[in-house]
PDB file of N, CA and C in Angstrom:
ATOM      1  N   MET A   1     147.384  29.108  49.441  1.00  0.00           N
ATOM      2  CA  MET A   1     147.577  27.950  48.562  1.00  0.00           C
ATOM      3  C   MET A   1     146.233  27.459  48.020  1.00  0.00           C
ATOM      4  N   LYS A   2     145.187  27.487  48.838  1.00  0.00           N
ATOM      5  CA  LYS A   2     143.892  27.034  48.347  1.00  0.00           C
ATOM      6  C   LYS A   2     143.294  27.938  47.312  1.00  0.00           C
ATOM      7  N   VAL A   3     143.545  29.258  47.469  1.00  0.00           N
ATOM      8  CA  VAL A   3     143.055  30.184  46.481  1.00  0.00           C
ATOM      9  C   VAL A   3     143.646  29.927  45.125  1.00  0.00           C
ATOM     10  N   LEU A   4     144.941  29.605  45.060  1.00  0.00           N
ATOM     11  CA  LEU A   4     145.602  29.293  43.793  1.00  0.00           C
ATOM     12  C   LEU A   4     144.938  28.051  43.143  1.00  0.00           C
ATOM     13  N   ARG A   5     144.621  27.069  43.943  1.00  0.00           N
ATOM     14  CA  ARG A   5     144.002  25.855  43.385  1.00  0.00           C
ATOM     15  C   ARG A   5     142.614  26.148  42.806  1.00  0.00           C
ATOM     16  N   ILE A   6     141.867  26.998  43.488  1.00  0.00           N
ATOM     17  CA  ILE A   6     140.529  27.355  43.014  1.00  0.00           C
ATOM     18  C   ILE A   6     140.641  28.112  41.691  1.00  0.00           C
ATOM     19  N   GLU A   7     141.542  29.039  41.589  1.00  0.00           N
ATOM     20  CA  GLU A   7     141.728  29.802  40.360  1.00  0.00           C
ATOM     21  C   GLU A   7     142.143  28.879  39.202  1.00  0.00           C
ATOM     22  N   ILE A   8     143.041  27.972  39.460  1.00  0.00           N
ATOM     23  CA  ILE A   8     143.472  27.038  38.416  1.00  0.00           C
ATOM     24  C   ILE A   8     142.343  26.142  37.949  1.00  0.00           C
ATOM     25  N   ALA A   9     141.495  25.670  38.916  1.00  0.00           N
ATOM     26  CA  ALA A   9     140.380  24.850  38.546  1.00  0.00           C
ATOM     27  C   ALA A   9     139.384  25.647  37.700  1.00  0.00           C
ATOM     28  N   TRP A  10     139.192  26.929  38.026  1.00  0.00           N
ATOM     29  CA  TRP A  10     138.243  27.765  37.292  1.00  0.00           C
ATOM     30  C   TRP A  10     138.756  27.967  35.866  1.00  0.00           C
ATOM     31  N   ILE A  11     140.026  28.234  35.723  1.00  0.00           N
ATOM     32  CA  ILE A  11     140.610  28.417  34.337  1.00  0.00           C
ATOM     33  C   ILE A  11     140.501  27.126  33.564  1.00  0.00           C
ATOM     34  N   ASN A  12     140.756  26.005  34.193  1.00  0.00           N
ATOM     35  CA  ASN A  12     140.639  24.746  33.475  1.00  0.00           C
ATOM     36  C   ASN A  12     139.194  24.467  33.064  1.00  0.00           C
ATOM     37  N   ASP A  13     138.241  24.805  33.865  1.00  0.00           N
ATOM     38  CA  ASP A  13     136.813  24.629  33.494  1.00  0.00           C
ATOM     39  C   ASP A  13     136.495  25.447  32.260  1.00  0.00           C
ATOM     40  N   LEU A  14     137.008  26.689  32.168  1.00  0.00           N
ATOM     41  CA  LEU A  14     136.785  27.504  30.987  1.00  0.00           C
ATOM     42  C   LEU A  14     137.394  26.893  29.736  1.00  0.00           C
ATOM     43  N   GLU A  15     138.597  26.307  29.898  1.00  0.00           N
ATOM     44  CA  GLU A  15     139.251  25.719  28.772  1.00  0.00           C
ATOM     45  C   GLU A  15     138.508  24.453  28.309  1.00  0.00           C
ATOM     46  N   LEU A  16     137.914  23.711  29.235  1.00  0.00           N
ATOM     47  CA  LEU A  16     137.228  22.489  28.847  1.00  0.00           C
ATOM     48  C   LEU A  16     135.841  22.708  28.272  1.00  0.00           C
ATOM     49  N   MET A  17     135.309  23.891  28.460  1.00  0.00           N
ATOM     50  CA  MET A  17     133.996  24.202  27.943  1.00  0.00           C
ATOM     51  C   MET A  17     134.074  24.377  26.427  1.00  0.00           C
ATOM     52  N   SER A  18     133.237  23.672  25.713  1.00  0.00           N
ATOM     53  CA  SER A  18     133.233  23.778  24.259  1.00  0.00           C
ATOM     54  C   SER A  18     132.614  25.063  23.787  1.00  0.00           C
ATOM     55  N   SER A  19     132.963  25.460  22.581  1.00  0.00           N
ATOM     56  CA  SER A  19     132.358  26.669  22.012  1.00  0.00           C
ATOM     57  C   SER A  19     130.892  26.459  21.785  1.00  0.00           C
ATOM     58  N   GLU A  20     130.452  25.206  21.527  1.00  0.00           N
ATOM     59  CA  GLU A  20     129.060  24.952  21.321  1.00  0.00           C
ATOM     60  C   GLU A  20     128.305  25.173  22.633  1.00  0.00           C
ATOM     61  N   GLU A  21     128.884  24.783  23.762  1.00  0.00           N
ATOM     62  CA  GLU A  21     128.232  24.997  25.038  1.00  0.00           C
ATOM     63  C   GLU A  21     128.121  26.481  25.374  1.00  0.00           C
ATOM     64  N   LYS A  22     129.138  27.234  25.048  1.00  0.00           N
ATOM     65  CA  LYS A  22     129.122  28.693  25.265  1.00  0.00           C
ATOM     66  C   LYS A  22     128.062  29.328  24.386  1.00  0.00           C
ATOM     67  N   THR A  23     127.972  28.871  23.157  1.00  0.00           N
ATOM     68  CA  THR A  23     127.024  29.431  22.213  1.00  0.00           C
ATOM     69  C   THR A  23     125.575  29.162  22.667  1.00  0.00           C
ATOM     70  N   TRP A  24     125.292  27.942  23.095  1.00  0.00           N
ATOM     71  CA  TRP A  24     123.939  27.614  23.596  1.00  0.00           C
ATOM     72  C   TRP A  24     123.653  28.398  24.868  1.00  0.00           C
ATOM     73  N   GLY A  25     124.661  28.627  25.705  1.00  0.00           N
ATOM     74  CA  GLY A  25     124.459  29.441  26.905  1.00  0.00           C
ATOM     75  C   GLY A  25     124.101  30.878  26.526  1.00  0.00           C
ATOM     76  N   MET A  26     124.713  31.369  25.459  1.00  0.00           N
ATOM     77  CA  MET A  26     124.407  32.713  24.996  1.00  0.00           C
ATOM     78  C   MET A  26     122.993  32.751  24.443  1.00  0.00           C
ATOM     79  N   PHE A  27     122.595  31.707  23.692  1.00  0.00           N
ATOM     80  CA  PHE A  27     121.236  31.653  23.114  1.00  0.00           C
ATOM     81  C   PHE A  27     120.171  31.627  24.214  1.00  0.00           C
ATOM     82  N   CYS A  28     120.518  31.076  25.392  1.00  0.00           N
ATOM     83  CA  CYS A  28     119.539  31.093  26.472  1.00  0.00           C
ATOM     84  C   CYS A  28     119.133  32.524  26.799  1.00  0.00           C
ATOM     85  N   HIS A  29     120.082  33.427  26.710  1.00  0.00           N
ATOM     86  CA  HIS A  29     119.811  34.838  27.019  1.00  0.00           C
ATOM     87  C   HIS A  29     119.255  35.576  25.823  1.00  0.00           C
ATOM     88  N   LEU A  30     119.853  35.416  24.650  1.00  0.00           N
ATOM     89  CA  LEU A  30     119.482  36.156  23.460  1.00  0.00           C
ATOM     90  C   LEU A  30     118.103  35.749  22.960  1.00  0.00           C
ATOM     91  N   SER A  31     117.710  34.531  23.182  1.00  0.00           N
ATOM     92  CA  SER A  31     116.374  34.088  22.705  1.00  0.00           C
ATOM     93  C   SER A  31     115.259  34.902  23.343  1.00  0.00           C
ATOM     94  N   ALA A  32     115.463  35.512  24.418  1.00  0.00           N
ATOM     95  CA  ALA A  32     114.464  36.373  25.021  1.00  0.00           C
ATOM     96  C   ALA A  32     114.226  37.614  24.142  1.00  0.00           C
ATOM     97  N   LEU A  33     115.280  38.171  23.582  1.00  0.00           N
ATOM     98  CA  LEU A  33     115.111  39.322  22.725  1.00  0.00           C
ATOM     99  C   LEU A  33     114.446  38.964  21.394  1.00  0.00           C
ATOM    100  N   ILE A  34     114.777  37.811  20.893  1.00  0.00           N
ATOM    101  CA  ILE A  34     114.168  37.293  19.631  1.00  0.00           C
ATOM    102  C   ILE A  34     112.685  37.102  19.844  1.00  0.00           C
ATOM    103  N   SER A  35     112.308  36.668  21.037  1.00  0.00           N
ATOM    104  CA  SER A  35     110.904  36.355  21.315  1.00  0.00           C
ATOM    105  C   SER A  35     110.031  37.618  21.291  1.00  0.00           C
ATOM    106  N   TYR A  36     110.603  38.810  21.370  1.00  0.00           N
ATOM    107  CA  TYR A  36     109.805  40.034  21.279  1.00  0.00           C
ATOM    108  C   TYR A  36     109.077  40.092  19.932  1.00  0.00           C
ATOM    109  N   ALA A  37     109.744  39.539  18.885  1.00  0.00           N
ATOM    110  CA  ALA A  37     109.151  39.584  17.575  1.00  0.00           C
ATOM    111  C   ALA A  37     107.940  38.682  17.400  1.00  0.00           C
ATOM    112  N   VAL A  38     107.770  37.725  18.292  1.00  0.00           N
ATOM    113  CA  VAL A  38     106.647  36.792  18.208  1.00  0.00           C
ATOM    114  C   VAL A  38     105.631  37.018  19.304  1.00  0.00           C
ATOM    115  N   GLY A  39     105.333  38.242  19.570  1.00  0.00           N
ATOM    116  CA  GLY A  39     104.225  38.502  20.485  1.00  0.00           C
ATOM    117  C   GLY A  39     104.623  38.919  21.879  1.00  0.00           C
ATOM    118  N   GLY A  40     105.886  39.152  22.169  1.00  0.00           N
ATOM    119  CA  GLY A  40     106.276  39.642  23.465  1.00  0.00           C
ATOM    120  C   GLY A  40     106.334  38.622  24.579  1.00  0.00           C
ATOM    121  N   MET A  41     106.228  37.380  24.280  1.00  0.00           N
ATOM    122  CA  MET A  41     106.321  36.336  25.294  1.00  0.00           C
ATOM    123  C   MET A  41     107.783  35.939  25.429  1.00  0.00           C
ATOM    124  N   PHE A  42     108.569  36.865  26.024  1.00  0.00           N
ATOM    125  CA  PHE A  42     110.007  36.728  26.018  1.00  0.00           C
ATOM    126  C   PHE A  42     110.577  35.693  26.919  1.00  0.00           C
ATOM    127  N   PHE A  43     109.762  35.007  27.720  1.00  0.00           N
ATOM    128  CA  PHE A  43     110.260  33.910  28.517  1.00  0.00           C
ATOM    129  C   PHE A  43     110.181  32.551  27.775  1.00  0.00           C
ATOM    130  N   LEU A  44     109.494  32.542  26.644  1.00  0.00           N
ATOM    131  CA  LEU A  44     109.348  31.262  25.868  1.00  0.00           C
ATOM    132  C   LEU A  44     110.691  30.846  25.217  1.00  0.00           C
ATOM    133  N   GLY A  45     111.457  31.790  24.702  1.00  0.00           N
ATOM    134  CA  GLY A  45     112.712  31.452  24.053  1.00  0.00           C
ATOM    135  C   GLY A  45     113.698  30.770  24.996  1.00  0.00           C
ATOM    136  N   PRO A  46     113.971  31.414  26.162  1.00  0.00           N
ATOM    137  CA  PRO A  46     114.858  30.766  27.124  1.00  0.00           C
ATOM    138  C   PRO A  46     114.339  29.422  27.634  1.00  0.00           C
ATOM    139  N   LEU A  47     113.031  29.301  27.764  1.00  0.00           N
ATOM    140  CA  LEU A  47     112.406  28.067  28.225  1.00  0.00           C
ATOM    141  C   LEU A  47     112.653  26.934  27.215  1.00  0.00           C
ATOM    142  N   VAL A  48     112.464  27.220  25.949  1.00  0.00           N
ATOM    143  CA  VAL A  48     112.662  26.198  24.906  1.00  0.00           C
ATOM    144  C   VAL A  48     114.128  25.792  24.828  1.00  0.00           C
ATOM    145  N   VAL A  49     115.061  26.731  24.820  1.00  0.00           N
ATOM    146  CA  VAL A  49     116.498  26.426  24.740  1.00  0.00           C
ATOM    147  C   VAL A  49     116.913  25.630  25.968  1.00  0.00           C
ATOM    148  N   TRP A  50     116.457  26.038  27.128  1.00  0.00           N
ATOM    149  CA  TRP A  50     116.807  25.324  28.396  1.00  0.00           C
ATOM    150  C   TRP A  50     116.276  23.871  28.374  1.00  0.00           C
ATOM    151  N   LEU A  51     115.012  23.697  28.001  1.00  0.00           N
ATOM    152  CA  LEU A  51     114.419  22.377  28.001  1.00  0.00           C
ATOM    153  C   LEU A  51     115.092  21.436  26.993  1.00  0.00           C
ATOM    154  N   ILE A  52     115.537  22.007  25.886  1.00  0.00           N
ATOM    155  CA  ILE A  52     116.210  21.146  24.862  1.00  0.00           C
ATOM    156  C   ILE A  52     117.632  20.768  25.241  1.00  0.00           C
ATOM    157  N   LYS A  53     118.391  21.689  25.814  1.00  0.00           N
ATOM    158  CA  LYS A  53     119.846  21.496  25.985  1.00  0.00           C
ATOM    159  C   LYS A  53     120.293  21.335  27.432  1.00  0.00           C
ATOM    160  N   LYS A  54     119.383  21.335  28.398  1.00  0.00           N
ATOM    161  CA  LYS A  54     119.804  21.336  29.820  1.00  0.00           C
ATOM    162  C   LYS A  54     120.491  20.018  30.237  1.00  0.00           C
ATOM    163  N   ASP A  55     120.104  18.914  29.620  1.00  0.00           N
ATOM    164  CA  ASP A  55     120.709  17.640  29.961  1.00  0.00           C
ATOM    165  C   ASP A  55     122.049  17.412  29.253  1.00  0.00           C
ATOM    166  N   GLN A  56     122.256  18.138  28.159  1.00  0.00           N
ATOM    167  CA  GLN A  56     123.430  17.913  27.344  1.00  0.00           C
ATOM    168  C   GLN A  56     124.633  18.753  27.875  1.00  0.00           C
ATOM    169  N   PHE A  57     124.357  19.989  28.349  1.00  0.00           N
ATOM    170  CA  PHE A  57     125.436  20.871  28.769  1.00  0.00           C
ATOM    171  C   PHE A  57     125.108  21.445  30.161  1.00  0.00           C
ATOM    172  N   PRO A  58     125.982  21.251  31.164  1.00  0.00           N
ATOM    173  CA  PRO A  58     125.744  21.793  32.511  1.00  0.00           C
ATOM    174  C   PRO A  58     125.733  23.344  32.505  1.00  0.00           C
ATOM    175  N   PHE A  59     126.545  23.974  31.660  1.00  0.00           N
ATOM    176  CA  PHE A  59     126.564  25.426  31.594  1.00  0.00           C
ATOM    177  C   PHE A  59     125.235  25.979  31.086  1.00  0.00           C
ATOM    178  N   VAL A  60     124.684  25.312  30.097  1.00  0.00           N
ATOM    179  CA  VAL A  60     123.382  25.707  29.527  1.00  0.00           C
ATOM    180  C   VAL A  60     122.296  25.509  30.591  1.00  0.00           C
ATOM    181  N   ASN A  61     122.364  24.454  31.338  1.00  0.00           N
ATOM    182  CA  ASN A  61     121.385  24.244  32.428  1.00  0.00           C
ATOM    183  C   ASN A  61     121.431  25.377  33.410  1.00  0.00           C
ATOM    184  N   ASP A  62     122.601  25.807  33.802  1.00  0.00           N
ATOM    185  CA  ASP A  62     122.767  26.906  34.756  1.00  0.00           C
ATOM    186  C   ASP A  62     122.264  28.240  34.179  1.00  0.00           C
ATOM    187  N   GLN A  63     122.759  28.556  32.981  1.00  0.00           N
ATOM    188  CA  GLN A  63     122.382  29.835  32.373  1.00  0.00           C
ATOM    189  C   GLN A  63     120.952  29.860  31.892  1.00  0.00           C
ATOM    190  N   GLY A  64     120.426  28.714  31.527  1.00  0.00           N
ATOM    191  CA  GLY A  64     118.994  28.651  31.120  1.00  0.00           C
ATOM    192  C   GLY A  64     118.065  28.957  32.277  1.00  0.00           C
ATOM    193  N   LYS A  65     118.404  28.381  33.441  1.00  0.00           N
ATOM    194  CA  LYS A  65     117.608  28.653  34.656  1.00  0.00           C
ATOM    195  C   LYS A  65     117.704  30.127  35.067  1.00  0.00           C
ATOM    196  N   GLU A  66     118.943  30.667  34.971  1.00  0.00           N
ATOM    197  CA  GLU A  66     119.131  32.050  35.324  1.00  0.00           C
ATOM    198  C   GLU A  66     118.371  32.984  34.375  1.00  0.00           C
ATOM    199  N   SER A  67     118.429  32.702  33.058  1.00  0.00           N
ATOM    200  CA  SER A  67     117.725  33.552  32.093  1.00  0.00           C
ATOM    201  C   SER A  67     116.217  33.427  32.297  1.00  0.00           C
ATOM    202  N   LEU A  68     115.717  32.239  32.498  1.00  0.00           N
ATOM    203  CA  LEU A  68     114.295  32.020  32.673  1.00  0.00           C
ATOM    204  C   LEU A  68     113.799  32.746  33.907  1.00  0.00           C
ATOM    205  N   ASN A  69     114.587  32.686  35.005  1.00  0.00           N
ATOM    206  CA  ASN A  69     114.185  33.435  36.225  1.00  0.00           C
ATOM    207  C   ASN A  69     114.128  34.956  35.947  1.00  0.00           C
ATOM    208  N   PHE A  70     115.092  35.429  35.220  1.00  0.00           N
ATOM    209  CA  PHE A  70     115.125  36.880  34.906  1.00  0.00           C
ATOM    210  C   PHE A  70     113.933  37.264  34.024  1.00  0.00           C
ATOM    211  N   GLN A  71     113.629  36.428  33.047  1.00  0.00           N
ATOM    212  CA  GLN A  71     112.504  36.734  32.124  1.00  0.00           C
ATOM    213  C   GLN A  71     111.190  36.717  32.887  1.00  0.00           C
ATOM    214  N   ILE A  72     111.025  35.798  33.794  1.00  0.00           N
ATOM    215  CA  ILE A  72     109.795  35.743  34.615  1.00  0.00           C
ATOM    216  C   ILE A  72     109.759  37.010  35.516  1.00  0.00           C
ATOM    217  N   THR A  73     110.870  37.389  36.079  1.00  0.00           N
ATOM    218  CA  THR A  73     110.939  38.614  36.939  1.00  0.00           C
ATOM    219  C   THR A  73     110.524  39.812  36.103  1.00  0.00           C
ATOM    220  N   CYS A  74     111.081  39.944  34.896  1.00  0.00           N
ATOM    221  CA  CYS A  74     110.735  41.090  34.036  1.00  0.00           C
ATOM    222  C   CYS A  74     109.272  41.053  33.612  1.00  0.00           C
ATOM    223  N   PHE A  75     108.768  39.870  33.334  1.00  0.00           N
ATOM    224  CA  PHE A  75     107.370  39.751  32.990  1.00  0.00           C
ATOM    225  C   PHE A  75     106.480  40.285  34.101  1.00  0.00           C
ATOM    226  N   LEU A  76     106.825  39.888  35.333  1.00  0.00           N
ATOM    227  CA  LEU A  76     106.079  40.391  36.509  1.00  0.00           C
ATOM    228  C   LEU A  76     106.199  41.890  36.672  1.00  0.00           C
ATOM    229  N   LEU A  77     107.388  42.427  36.396  1.00  0.00           N
ATOM    230  CA  LEU A  77     107.623  43.877  36.497  1.00  0.00           C
ATOM    231  C   LEU A  77     106.794  44.610  35.416  1.00  0.00           C
ATOM    232  N   PHE A  78     106.772  44.069  34.205  1.00  0.00           N
ATOM    233  CA  PHE A  78     105.936  44.655  33.169  1.00  0.00           C
ATOM    234  C   PHE A  78     104.471  44.654  33.544  1.00  0.00           C
ATOM    235  N   CYS A  79     103.988  43.553  34.128  1.00  0.00           N
ATOM    236  CA  CYS A  79     102.579  43.490  34.539  1.00  0.00           C
ATOM    237  C   CYS A  79     102.270  44.509  35.614  1.00  0.00           C
ATOM    238  N   ILE A  80     103.173  44.631  36.617  1.00  0.00           N
ATOM    239  CA  ILE A  80     102.959  45.617  37.661  1.00  0.00           C
ATOM    240  C   ILE A  80     102.956  47.041  37.122  1.00  0.00           C
ATOM    241  N   ALA A  81     103.939  47.300  36.213  1.00  0.00           N
ATOM    242  CA  ALA A  81     104.012  48.650  35.580  1.00  0.00           C
ATOM    243  C   ALA A  81     102.738  48.916  34.770  1.00  0.00           C
ATOM    244  N   GLY A  82     102.209  47.892  34.080  1.00  0.00           N
ATOM    245  CA  GLY A  82     100.994  48.031  33.299  1.00  0.00           C
ATOM    246  C   GLY A  82      99.817  48.359  34.182  1.00  0.00           C
ATOM    247  N   ILE A  83      99.743  47.699  35.310  1.00  0.00           N
ATOM    248  CA  ILE A  83      98.619  47.957  36.249  1.00  0.00           C
ATOM    249  C   ILE A  83      98.768  49.399  36.837  1.00  0.00           C
ATOM    250  N   LEU A  84      99.980  49.799  37.119  1.00  0.00           N
ATOM    251  CA  LEU A  84     100.239  51.113  37.650  1.00  0.00           C
ATOM    252  C   LEU A  84     100.065  52.218  36.622  1.00  0.00           C
ATOM    253  N   ALA A  85      99.951  51.836  35.335  1.00  0.00           N
ATOM    254  CA  ALA A  85      99.724  52.834  34.289  1.00  0.00           C
ATOM    255  C   ALA A  85      98.324  53.496  34.490  1.00  0.00           C
ATOM    256  N   ILE A  86      97.453  52.823  35.172  1.00  0.00           N
ATOM    257  CA  ILE A  86      96.144  53.362  35.447  1.00  0.00           C
ATOM    258  C   ILE A  86      96.251  54.635  36.254  1.00  0.00           C
ATOM    259  N   ILE A  87      97.230  54.712  37.135  1.00  0.00           N
ATOM    260  CA  ILE A  87      97.437  55.953  37.924  1.00  0.00           C
ATOM    261  C   ILE A  87      98.623  56.719  37.466  1.00  0.00           C
ATOM    262  N   LEU A  88      99.011  56.475  36.189  1.00  0.00           N
ATOM    263  CA  LEU A  88     100.025  57.219  35.456  1.00  0.00           C
ATOM    264  C   LEU A  88     101.486  56.969  35.858  1.00  0.00           C
ATOM    265  N   ILE A  89     101.719  56.313  36.985  1.00  0.00           N
ATOM    266  CA  ILE A  89     103.113  56.027  37.372  1.00  0.00           C
ATOM    267  C   ILE A  89     103.690  54.954  36.440  1.00  0.00           C
ATOM    268  N   GLY A  90     102.862  54.031  36.014  1.00  0.00           N
ATOM    269  CA  GLY A  90     103.339  52.945  35.161  1.00  0.00           C
ATOM    270  C   GLY A  90     103.897  53.420  33.837  1.00  0.00           C
ATOM    271  N   PHE A  91     103.429  54.552  33.336  1.00  0.00           N
ATOM    272  CA  PHE A  91     103.948  55.055  32.071  1.00  0.00           C
ATOM    273  C   PHE A  91     105.415  55.446  32.212  1.00  0.00           C
ATOM    274  N   LEU A  92     105.854  55.790  33.397  1.00  0.00           N
ATOM    275  CA  LEU A  92     107.255  56.071  33.644  1.00  0.00           C
ATOM    276  C   LEU A  92     108.024  54.795  33.861  1.00  0.00           C
ATOM    277  N   LEU A  93     107.411  53.810  34.468  1.00  0.00           N
ATOM    278  CA  LEU A  93     108.066  52.558  34.812  1.00  0.00           C
ATOM    279  C   LEU A  93     108.265  51.649  33.595  1.00  0.00           C
ATOM    280  N   LEU A  94     107.292  51.617  32.674  1.00  0.00           N
ATOM    281  CA  LEU A  94     107.357  50.697  31.533  1.00  0.00           C
ATOM    282  C   LEU A  94     108.666  50.863  30.721  1.00  0.00           C
ATOM    283  N   PRO A  95     109.055  52.098  30.338  1.00  0.00           N
ATOM    284  CA  PRO A  95     110.317  52.223  29.594  1.00  0.00           C
ATOM    285  C   PRO A  95     111.546  51.847  30.441  1.00  0.00           C
ATOM    286  N   LEU A  96     111.481  52.127  31.751  1.00  0.00           N
ATOM    287  CA  LEU A  96     112.608  51.770  32.609  1.00  0.00           C
ATOM    288  C   LEU A  96     112.779  50.257  32.714  1.00  0.00           C
ATOM    289  N   VAL A  97     111.667  49.528  32.872  1.00  0.00           N
ATOM    290  CA  VAL A  97     111.742  48.059  32.901  1.00  0.00           C
ATOM    291  C   VAL A  97     112.227  47.500  31.596  1.00  0.00           C
ATOM    292  N   GLY A  98     111.752  48.125  30.478  1.00  0.00           N
ATOM    293  CA  GLY A  98     112.230  47.661  29.177  1.00  0.00           C
ATOM    294  C   GLY A  98     113.709  47.854  28.978  1.00  0.00           C
ATOM    295  N   LEU A  99     114.204  49.011  29.401  1.00  0.00           N
ATOM    296  CA  LEU A  99     115.654  49.293  29.328  1.00  0.00           C
ATOM    297  C   LEU A  99     116.443  48.336  30.213  1.00  0.00           C
ATOM    298  N   TYR A 100     115.968  48.129  31.421  1.00  0.00           N
ATOM    299  CA  TYR A 100     116.592  47.164  32.349  1.00  0.00           C
ATOM    300  C   TYR A 100     116.670  45.786  31.716  1.00  0.00           C
ATOM    301  N   HIS A 101     115.578  45.366  31.104  1.00  0.00           N
ATOM    302  CA  HIS A 101     115.540  44.038  30.483  1.00  0.00           C
ATOM    303  C   HIS A 101     116.550  43.948  29.305  1.00  0.00           C
ATOM    304  N   LEU A 102     116.525  44.957  28.456  1.00  0.00           N
ATOM    305  CA  LEU A 102     117.403  44.970  27.303  1.00  0.00           C
ATOM    306  C   LEU A 102     118.862  44.957  27.670  1.00  0.00           C
ATOM    307  N   VAL A 103     119.242  45.856  28.513  1.00  0.00           N
ATOM    308  CA  VAL A 103     120.636  46.043  28.875  1.00  0.00           C
ATOM    309  C   VAL A 103     121.229  44.786  29.561  1.00  0.00           C
ATOM    310  N   PHE A 104     120.514  44.276  30.584  1.00  0.00           N
ATOM    311  CA  PHE A 104     121.036  43.146  31.312  1.00  0.00           C
ATOM    312  C   PHE A 104     120.988  41.849  30.491  1.00  0.00           C
ATOM    313  N   THR A 105     120.037  41.723  29.573  1.00  0.00           N
ATOM    314  CA  THR A 105     120.035  40.563  28.703  1.00  0.00           C
ATOM    315  C   THR A 105     121.250  40.580  27.814  1.00  0.00           C
ATOM    316  N   ILE A 106     121.629  41.708  27.282  1.00  0.00           N
ATOM    317  CA  ILE A 106     122.784  41.820  26.398  1.00  0.00           C
ATOM    318  C   ILE A 106     124.048  41.571  27.209  1.00  0.00           C
ATOM    319  N   ILE A 107     124.174  42.084  28.400  1.00  0.00           N
ATOM    320  CA  ILE A 107     125.349  41.852  29.254  1.00  0.00           C
ATOM    321  C   ILE A 107     125.459  40.383  29.539  1.00  0.00           C
ATOM    322  N   ALA A 108     124.356  39.721  29.886  1.00  0.00           N
ATOM    323  CA  ALA A 108     124.388  38.265  30.208  1.00  0.00           C
ATOM    324  C   ALA A 108     124.772  37.457  28.995  1.00  0.00           C
ATOM    325  N   SER A 109     124.306  37.876  27.834  1.00  0.00           N
ATOM    326  CA  SER A 109     124.632  37.138  26.590  1.00  0.00           C
ATOM    327  C   SER A 109     126.137  37.212  26.296  1.00  0.00           C
ATOM    328  N   MET A 110     126.712  38.376  26.500  1.00  0.00           N
ATOM    329  CA  MET A 110     128.143  38.512  26.266  1.00  0.00           C
ATOM    330  C   MET A 110     128.955  37.738  27.270  1.00  0.00           C
ATOM    331  N   ALA A 111     128.522  37.729  28.509  1.00  0.00           N
ATOM    332  CA  ALA A 111     129.240  36.945  29.537  1.00  0.00           C
ATOM    333  C   ALA A 111     129.139  35.450  29.240  1.00  0.00           C
ATOM    334  N   ALA A 112     127.973  34.965  28.848  1.00  0.00           N
ATOM    335  CA  ALA A 112     127.810  33.553  28.548  1.00  0.00           C
ATOM    336  C   ALA A 112     128.648  33.164  27.316  1.00  0.00           C
ATOM    337  N   ASN A 113     128.774  34.058  26.378  1.00  0.00           N
ATOM    338  CA  ASN A 113     129.599  33.752  25.192  1.00  0.00           C
ATOM    339  C   ASN A 113     131.058  33.644  25.536  1.00  0.00           C
ATOM    340  N   ARG A 114     131.499  34.289  26.618  1.00  0.00           N
ATOM    341  CA  ARG A 114     132.863  34.166  27.102  1.00  0.00           C
ATOM    342  C   ARG A 114     133.030  32.895  28.003  1.00  0.00           C
ATOM    343  N   GLY A 115     131.894  32.261  28.343  1.00  0.00           N
ATOM    344  CA  GLY A 115     131.939  31.070  29.199  1.00  0.00           C
ATOM    345  C   GLY A 115     131.830  31.410  30.676  1.00  0.00           C
ATOM    346  N   GLU A 116     131.430  32.614  31.030  1.00  0.00           N
ATOM    347  CA  GLU A 116     131.310  33.048  32.397  1.00  0.00           C
ATOM    348  C   GLU A 116     129.861  32.847  32.860  1.00  0.00           C
ATOM    349  N   THR A 117     129.670  32.315  34.049  1.00  0.00           N
ATOM    350  CA  THR A 117     128.335  32.253  34.595  1.00  0.00           C
ATOM    351  C   THR A 117     127.937  33.681  35.015  1.00  0.00           C
ATOM    352  N   TYR A 118     126.713  34.057  34.654  1.00  0.00           N
ATOM    353  CA  TYR A 118     126.233  35.399  34.969  1.00  0.00           C
ATOM    354  C   TYR A 118     125.028  35.298  35.857  1.00  0.00           C
ATOM    355  N   ARG A 119     124.955  36.184  36.838  1.00  0.00           N
ATOM    356  CA  ARG A 119     123.809  36.291  37.723  1.00  0.00           C
ATOM    357  C   ARG A 119     123.215  37.680  37.551  1.00  0.00           C
ATOM    358  N   TYR A 120     121.938  37.719  37.210  1.00  0.00           N
ATOM    359  CA  TYR A 120     121.228  39.021  37.049  1.00  0.00           C
ATOM    360  C   TYR A 120     120.991  39.665  38.402  1.00  0.00           C
ATOM    361  N   PRO A 121     121.106  41.010  38.415  1.00  0.00           N
ATOM    362  CA  PRO A 121     120.818  41.709  39.639  1.00  0.00           C
ATOM    363  C   PRO A 121     119.296  41.856  39.783  1.00  0.00           C
ATOM    364  N   LEU A 122     118.809  41.911  40.986  1.00  0.00           N
ATOM    365  CA  LEU A 122     117.377  42.135  41.284  1.00  0.00           C
ATOM    366  C   LEU A 122     116.521  41.081  40.543  1.00  0.00           C
ATOM    367  N   CYS A 123     116.872  39.825  40.699  1.00  0.00           N
ATOM    368  CA  CYS A 123     116.138  38.742  39.997  1.00  0.00           C
ATOM    369  C   CYS A 123     115.584  37.740  41.050  1.00  0.00           C
ATOM    370  N   LEU A 124     114.305  37.402  40.820  1.00  0.00           N
ATOM    371  CA  LEU A 124     113.720  36.379  41.651  1.00  0.00           C
ATOM    372  C   LEU A 124     114.253  34.999  41.210  1.00  0.00           C
ATOM    373  N   ARG A 125     114.723  34.211  42.130  1.00  0.00           N
ATOM    374  CA  ARG A 125     115.225  32.891  41.813  1.00  0.00           C
ATOM    375  C   ARG A 125     114.132  31.885  42.051  1.00  0.00           C
ATOM    376  N   LEU A 126     113.209  31.727  41.097  1.00  0.00           N
ATOM    377  CA  LEU A 126     112.055  30.841  41.252  1.00  0.00           C
ATOM    378  C   LEU A 126     112.411  29.413  40.843  1.00  0.00           C
ATOM    379  N   ILE A 127     113.222  29.280  39.828  1.00  0.00           N
ATOM    380  CA  ILE A 127     113.672  27.962  39.342  1.00  0.00           C
ATOM    381  C   ILE A 127     115.094  27.726  39.856  1.00  0.00           C
ATOM    382  N   LYS A 128     115.250  26.660  40.650  1.00  0.00           N
ATOM    383  CA  LYS A 128     116.587  26.397  41.222  1.00  0.00           C
ATOM    384  C   LYS A 128     117.254  25.214  40.629  1.00  0.00           C
TER     385      LYS A 128
END
């Protein structure tokens, strides 16, 4: 009986979430890809969206923190792979980290657009 109540509450939360809230949640993730065009500081886009909309929408607050954590994690992975490029291992890791970043950012954007909370795999949760 409790499981049924939890599922109904979850469905009702999705119905109550506005399309604007879902769109801003999606922008929290997609803004990282847009930031590649302005110098590769891909954590700045999610940071700006999160800081502007976090008090207005709870979903954007949650997804903004998640996206920002993932972007910081990927930034650290890129730095480590760059350092390891000195001993040639990093040249193999850089494209893999880039692919990991691209694929999971797109998956998270699509989930946020549906109104689903998304949690990135292998992500440091620095901002709680």
